[in-house]
PDB file of N, CA and C in Angstrom:
ATOM      1  N   UNK A   1      49.032 -16.374  35.283  1.00  0.00           N
ATOM      2  CA  UNK A   1      50.579 -16.377  34.101  1.00  0.00           C
ATOM      3  C   UNK A   1      50.112 -17.085  33.100  1.00  0.00           C
ATOM      4  N   UNK A   2      51.100 -16.546  32.374  1.00  0.00           N
ATOM      5  CA  UNK A   2      51.240 -16.882  30.548  1.00  0.00           C
ATOM      6  C   UNK A   2      50.146 -15.501  29.856  1.00  0.00           C
ATOM      7  N   UNK A   3      50.081 -14.630  30.560  1.00  0.00           N
ATOM      8  CA  UNK A   3      49.107 -13.440  29.788  1.00  0.00           C
ATOM      9  C   UNK A   3      50.112 -12.316  29.139  1.00  0.00           C
ATOM     10  N   UNK A   4      51.508 -12.363  29.794  1.00  0.00           N
ATOM     11  CA  UNK A   4      52.040 -11.211  29.326  1.00  0.00           C
ATOM     12  C   UNK A   4      52.079 -11.090  28.004  1.00  0.00           C
ATOM     13  N   UNK A   5      52.336 -12.271  27.180  1.00  0.00           N
ATOM     14  CA  UNK A   5      52.684 -12.110  25.523  1.00  0.00           C
ATOM     15  C   UNK A   5      51.367 -11.808  25.116  1.00  0.00           C
ATOM     16  N   UNK A   6      50.402 -12.456  25.229  1.00  0.00           N
ATOM     17  CA  UNK A   6      48.744 -12.019  24.785  1.00  0.00           C
ATOM     18  C   UNK A   6      48.803 -10.183  24.828  1.00  0.00           C
ATOM     19  N   UNK A   7      49.012  -9.944  26.353  1.00  0.00           N
ATOM     20  CA  UNK A   7      48.427  -8.891  26.350  1.00  0.00           C
ATOM     21  C   UNK A   7      49.372  -7.921  25.895  1.00  0.00           C
ATOM     22  N   UNK A   8      51.005  -8.240  25.460  1.00  0.00           N
ATOM     23  CA  UNK A   8      51.981  -7.419  24.587  1.00  0.00           C
ATOM     24  C   UNK A   8      51.341  -7.390  22.996  1.00  0.00           C
ATOM     25  N   UNK A   9      50.536  -8.406  22.926  1.00  0.00           N
ATOM     26  CA  UNK A   9      50.182  -8.044  21.265  1.00  0.00           C
ATOM     27  C   UNK A   9      48.956  -7.453  21.201  1.00  0.00           C
ATOM     28  N   UNK A  10      48.276  -7.620  22.365  1.00  0.00           N
ATOM     29  CA  UNK A  10      46.801  -6.363  22.102  1.00  0.00           C
ATOM     30  C   UNK A  10      47.334  -5.240  22.115  1.00  0.00           C
ATOM     31  N   UNK A  11      48.273  -4.898  23.162  1.00  0.00           N
ATOM     32  CA  UNK A  11      48.430  -3.111  23.002  1.00  0.00           C
ATOM     33  C   UNK A  11      49.417  -3.052  22.129  1.00  0.00           C
ATOM     34  N   UNK A  12      50.124  -4.153  21.622  1.00  0.00           N
ATOM     35  CA  UNK A  12      50.572  -3.395  20.092  1.00  0.00           C
ATOM     36  C   UNK A  12      49.844  -3.228  19.429  1.00  0.00           C
ATOM     37  N   UNK A  13      48.774  -4.108  19.087  1.00  0.00           N
ATOM     38  CA  UNK A  13      47.653  -3.860  18.190  1.00  0.00           C
ATOM     39  C   UNK A  13      46.871  -2.371  18.198  1.00  0.00           C
ATOM     40  N   UNK A  14      46.603  -2.776  19.227  1.00  0.00           N
ATOM     41  CA  UNK A  14      46.009  -1.178  19.863  1.00  0.00           C
ATOM     42  C   UNK A  14      46.622   0.156  19.888  1.00  0.00           C
ATOM     43  N   UNK A  15      47.708  -0.135  19.745  1.00  0.00           N
ATOM     44  CA  UNK A  15      48.491   1.467  19.375  1.00  0.00           C
ATOM     45  C   UNK A  15      48.666   1.417  18.199  1.00  0.00           C
ATOM     46  N   UNK A  16      48.845   0.289  17.228  1.00  0.00           N
ATOM     47  CA  UNK A  16      48.779   0.523  16.022  1.00  0.00           C
ATOM     48  C   UNK A  16      47.459   1.350  14.962  1.00  0.00           C
ATOM     49  N   UNK A  17      46.314   0.799  15.937  1.00  0.00           N
ATOM     50  CA  UNK A  17      45.064   1.109  15.712  1.00  0.00           C
ATOM     51  C   UNK A  17      44.756   2.750  15.518  1.00  0.00           C
ATOM     52  N   UNK A  18      45.581   3.021  16.743  1.00  0.00           N
ATOM     53  CA  UNK A  18      45.163   4.158  17.654  1.00  0.00           C
ATOM     54  C   UNK A  18      46.186   5.802  17.098  1.00  0.00           C
ATOM     55  N   UNK A  19      47.285   5.120  16.926  1.00  0.00           N
ATOM     56  CA  UNK A  19      48.325   6.056  15.789  1.00  0.00           C
ATOM     57  C   UNK A  19      48.260   6.307  14.294  1.00  0.00           C
ATOM     58  N   UNK A  20      48.031   4.864  13.675  1.00  0.00           N
ATOM     59  CA  UNK A  20      48.287   4.886  12.526  1.00  0.00           C
ATOM     60  C   UNK A  20      46.979   5.779  11.540  1.00  0.00           C
ATOM     61  N   UNK A  21      47.661   5.969  10.509  1.00  0.00           N
ATOM     62  CA  UNK A  21      46.251   7.045   9.617  1.00  0.00           C
ATOM     63  C   UNK A  21      46.349   5.974   8.250  1.00  0.00           C
ATOM     64  N   UNK A  22      45.418   5.113   8.027  1.00  0.00           N
ATOM     65  CA  UNK A  22      45.125   4.368   7.132  1.00  0.00           C
ATOM     66  C   UNK A  22      45.066   5.341   5.497  1.00  0.00           C
ATOM     67  N   UNK A  23      45.240   4.740   4.707  1.00  0.00           N
ATOM     68  CA  UNK A  23      44.462   5.444   3.696  1.00  0.00           C
ATOM     69  C   UNK A  23      43.483   4.863   3.217  1.00  0.00           C
ATOM     70  N   UNK A  24      42.880   5.780   2.549  1.00  0.00           N
ATOM     71  CA  UNK A  24      41.378   5.699   2.397  1.00  0.00           C
ATOM     72  C   UNK A  24      41.420   5.592   0.766  1.00  0.00           C
ATOM     73  N   UNK A  25      40.788   4.524   0.608  1.00  0.00           N
ATOM     74  CA  UNK A  25      40.576   4.639  -1.379  1.00  0.00           C
ATOM     75  C   UNK A  25      39.162   4.879  -1.525  1.00  0.00           C
ATOM     76  N   UNK A  26      38.906   5.896  -1.721  1.00  0.00           N
ATOM     77  CA  UNK A  26      37.685   6.756  -1.758  1.00  0.00           C
ATOM     78  C   UNK A  26      36.516   6.380  -3.108  1.00  0.00           C
ATOM     79  N   UNK A  27      37.814   6.022  -4.029  1.00  0.00           N
ATOM     80  CA  UNK A  27      37.045   5.409  -5.452  1.00  0.00           C
ATOM     81  C   UNK A  27      36.125   4.017  -5.128  1.00  0.00           C
ATOM     82  N   UNK A  28      37.256   3.351  -4.191  1.00  0.00           N
ATOM     83  CA  UNK A  28      36.207   1.914  -3.940  1.00  0.00           C
ATOM     84  C   UNK A  28      35.560   2.199  -3.021  1.00  0.00           C
ATOM     85  N   UNK A  29      35.402   2.718  -1.967  1.00  0.00           N
ATOM     86  CA  UNK A  29      34.015   2.944  -1.271  1.00  0.00           C
ATOM     87  C   UNK A  29      33.086   3.816  -2.150  1.00  0.00           C
ATOM     88  N   UNK A  30      33.098   4.484  -3.154  1.00  0.00           N
ATOM     89  CA  UNK A  30      31.936   4.912  -3.715  1.00  0.00           C
ATOM     90  C   UNK A  30      31.789   3.548  -4.795  1.00  0.00           C
ATOM     91  N   UNK A  31      32.520   2.863  -5.336  1.00  0.00           N
ATOM     92  CA  UNK A  31      32.269   1.644  -5.889  1.00  0.00           C
ATOM     93  C   UNK A  31      31.118   0.868  -5.108  1.00  0.00           C
ATOM     94  N   UNK A  32      31.607   0.375  -3.477  1.00  0.00           N
ATOM     95  CA  UNK A  32      31.024  -0.423  -2.781  1.00  0.00           C
ATOM     96  C   UNK A  32      29.685   0.107  -2.272  1.00  0.00           C
ATOM     97  N   UNK A  33      29.506   1.839  -2.554  1.00  0.00           N
ATOM     98  CA  UNK A  33      28.421   2.368  -1.991  1.00  0.00           C
ATOM     99  C   UNK A  33      27.178   2.371  -2.872  1.00  0.00           C
ATOM    100  N   UNK A  34      27.831   2.777  -4.160  1.00  0.00           N
ATOM    101  CA  UNK A  34      26.935   2.703  -5.328  1.00  0.00           C
ATOM    102  C   UNK A  34      27.211   3.994  -6.298  1.00  0.00           C
ATOM    103  N   UNK A  35      26.647   4.121  -7.348  1.00  0.00           N
ATOM    104  CA  UNK A  35      26.895   5.361  -7.831  1.00  0.00           C
ATOM    105  C   UNK A  35      25.729   6.182  -7.801  1.00  0.00           C
ATOM    106  N   UNK A  36      25.009   6.049  -6.910  1.00  0.00           N
ATOM    107  CA  UNK A  36      23.874   7.098  -6.525  1.00  0.00           C
ATOM    108  C   UNK A  36      22.642   7.256  -7.117  1.00  0.00           C
ATOM    109  N   UNK A  37      22.269   6.419  -7.907  1.00  0.00           N
ATOM    110  CA  UNK A  37      21.051   6.609  -8.840  1.00  0.00           C
ATOM    111  C   UNK A  37      20.093   5.910  -8.028  1.00  0.00           C
ATOM    112  N   UNK A  38      20.617   5.032  -6.576  1.00  0.00           N
ATOM    113  CA  UNK A  38      19.192   4.206  -6.218  1.00  0.00           C
ATOM    114  C   UNK A  38      19.184   5.255  -5.234  1.00  0.00           C
ATOM    115  N   UNK A  39      19.630   6.195  -4.602  1.00  0.00           N
ATOM    116  CA  UNK A  39      19.221   7.338  -3.541  1.00  0.00           C
ATOM    117  C   UNK A  39      18.250   8.017  -4.473  1.00  0.00           C
ATOM    118  N   UNK A  40      17.713   8.230  -5.689  1.00  0.00           N
ATOM    119  CA  UNK A  40      17.303   9.084  -6.467  1.00  0.00           C
ATOM    120  C   UNK A  40      15.839   8.499  -6.613  1.00  0.00           C
ATOM    121  N   UNK A  41      16.084   7.242  -6.940  1.00  0.00           N
ATOM    122  CA  UNK A  41      15.271   6.294  -7.230  1.00  0.00           C
ATOM    123  C   UNK A  41      14.282   6.171  -5.651  1.00  0.00           C
ATOM    124  N   UNK A  42      14.759   6.048  -4.604  1.00  0.00           N
ATOM    125  CA  UNK A  42      14.108   6.108  -3.485  1.00  0.00           C
ATOM    126  C   UNK A  42      13.748   7.211  -3.042  1.00  0.00           C
ATOM    127  N   UNK A  43      14.310   8.236  -3.445  1.00  0.00           N
ATOM    128  CA  UNK A  43      13.575   9.738  -2.965  1.00  0.00           C
ATOM    129  C   UNK A  43      12.384   9.629  -3.489  1.00  0.00           C
ATOM    130  N   UNK A  44      12.134   9.048  -5.042  1.00  0.00           N
ATOM    131  CA  UNK A  44      10.935   9.414  -5.901  1.00  0.00           C
ATOM    132  C   UNK A  44      10.029   8.341  -5.320  1.00  0.00           C
ATOM    133  N   UNK A  45      10.432   7.134  -4.681  1.00  0.00           N
ATOM    134  CA  UNK A  45       9.492   6.366  -4.579  1.00  0.00           C
ATOM    135  C   UNK A  45       8.907   7.156  -3.110  1.00  0.00           C
ATOM    136  N   UNK A  46       9.684   7.859  -2.129  1.00  0.00           N
ATOM    137  CA  UNK A  46       9.272   8.034  -0.893  1.00  0.00           C
ATOM    138  C   UNK A  46       8.385   9.372  -1.340  1.00  0.00           C
ATOM    139  N   UNK A  47       8.457   9.790  -2.358  1.00  0.00           N
ATOM    140  CA  UNK A  47       7.431  11.261  -2.717  1.00  0.00           C
ATOM    141  C   UNK A  47       6.478  10.609  -2.904  1.00  0.00           C
ATOM    142  N   UNK A  48       6.597   9.659  -3.549  1.00  0.00           N
ATOM    143  CA  UNK A  48       4.809   8.969  -4.067  1.00  0.00           C
ATOM    144  C   UNK A  48       3.503   9.082  -2.515  1.00  0.00           C
ATOM    145  N   UNK A  49       4.794   8.014  -1.818  1.00  0.00           N
ATOM    146  CA  UNK A  49       4.285   7.575  -0.872  1.00  0.00           C
ATOM    147  C   UNK A  49       3.852   8.626   0.143  1.00  0.00           C
ATOM    148  N   UNK A  50       4.554  10.001   0.057  1.00  0.00           N
ATOM    149  CA  UNK A  50       4.551  10.878   1.286  1.00  0.00           C
ATOM    150  C   UNK A  50       3.093  12.171   0.156  1.00  0.00           C
ATOM    151  N   UNK A  51       3.066  11.800  -1.022  1.00  0.00           N
ATOM    152  CA  UNK A  51       2.107  12.480  -1.275  1.00  0.00           C
ATOM    153  C   UNK A  51       0.768  11.984  -1.186  1.00  0.00           C
ATOM    154  N   UNK A  52       0.523  10.556  -1.210  1.00  0.00           N
ATOM    155  CA  UNK A  52      -0.817   9.802  -1.328  1.00  0.00           C
ATOM    156  C   UNK A  52      -0.901   9.749   0.130  1.00  0.00           C
ATOM    157  N   UNK A  53      -0.107  10.021   1.150  1.00  0.00           N
ATOM    158  CA  UNK A  53      -0.404  10.063   2.266  1.00  0.00           C
ATOM    159  C   UNK A  53      -0.801  10.876   3.516  1.00  0.00           C
ATOM    160  N   UNK A  54      -0.026  12.527   2.534  1.00  0.00           N
ATOM    161  CA  UNK A  54      -0.167  13.671   3.197  1.00  0.00           C
ATOM    162  C   UNK A  54      -1.463  14.192   3.840  1.00  0.00           C
ATOM    163  N   UNK A  55      -2.621  13.642   3.345  1.00  0.00           N
ATOM    164  CA  UNK A  55      -3.869  13.900   4.165  1.00  0.00           C
ATOM    165  C   UNK A  55      -3.979  13.490   5.451  1.00  0.00           C
ATOM    166  N   UNK A  56      -3.260  12.501   6.012  1.00  0.00           N
ATOM    167  CA  UNK A  56      -3.051  12.238   7.001  1.00  0.00           C
ATOM    168  C   UNK A  56      -2.534  12.493   8.079  1.00  0.00           C
ATOM    169  N   UNK A  57      -1.313  12.952   7.694  1.00  0.00           N
ATOM    170  CA  UNK A  57      -0.693  14.126   8.369  1.00  0.00           C
ATOM    171  C   UNK A  57      -1.056  15.113   8.609  1.00  0.00           C
ATOM    172  N   UNK A  58      -2.222  15.827   8.078  1.00  0.00           N
ATOM    173  CA  UNK A  58      -2.275  17.193   8.234  1.00  0.00           C
ATOM    174  C   UNK A  58      -3.679  16.749   9.284  1.00  0.00           C
ATOM    175  N   UNK A  59      -4.356  15.892   9.168  1.00  0.00           N
ATOM    176  CA  UNK A  59      -5.005  15.447  10.484  1.00  0.00           C
ATOM    177  C   UNK A  59      -4.620  15.350  11.547  1.00  0.00           C
ATOM    178  N   UNK A  60      -3.468  14.497  11.793  1.00  0.00           N
ATOM    179  CA  UNK A  60      -2.730  14.042  12.853  1.00  0.00           C
ATOM    180  C   UNK A  60      -2.480  15.489  13.423  1.00  0.00           C
ATOM    181  N   UNK A  61      -1.616  16.347  13.161  1.00  0.00           N
ATOM    182  CA  UNK A  61      -0.664  17.841  13.303  1.00  0.00           C
ATOM    183  C   UNK A  61      -1.988  18.379  13.999  1.00  0.00           C
ATOM    184  N   UNK A  62      -3.489  18.068  13.331  1.00  0.00           N
ATOM    185  CA  UNK A  62      -4.376  19.665  13.820  1.00  0.00           C
ATOM    186  C   UNK A  62      -4.765  18.769  15.388  1.00  0.00           C
ATOM    187  N   UNK A  63      -4.826  17.431  15.437  1.00  0.00           N
ATOM    188  CA  UNK A  63      -5.044  16.889  16.595  1.00  0.00           C
ATOM    189  C   UNK A  63      -4.334  17.013  17.500  1.00  0.00           C
ATOM    190  N   UNK A  64      -3.061  17.160  17.574  1.00  0.00           N
ATOM    191  CA  UNK A  64      -2.128  16.987  18.707  1.00  0.00           C
ATOM    192  C   UNK A  64      -2.149  18.866  18.989  1.00  0.00           C
ATOM    193  N   UNK A  65      -2.420  19.624  18.765  1.00  0.00           N
ATOM    194  CA  UNK A  65      -2.845  21.063  18.869  1.00  0.00           C
ATOM    195  C   UNK A  65      -3.783  21.174  19.841  1.00  0.00           C
TER     196      UNK A  65
END
């Protein structure tokens, strides 16, 4: 007993989440994620490692065949 009010509240919240269309602040999202320079730096760092270890991947591919 006593669960009716809580269940009604949960149903109301679930319905609001399901049918509401929140507005997205894309500018705030972009600021939160970052400017994008970090991704370029990460790609450059990955390329450096990939070049130095590329000889190992060629050997593994040949053994698998």
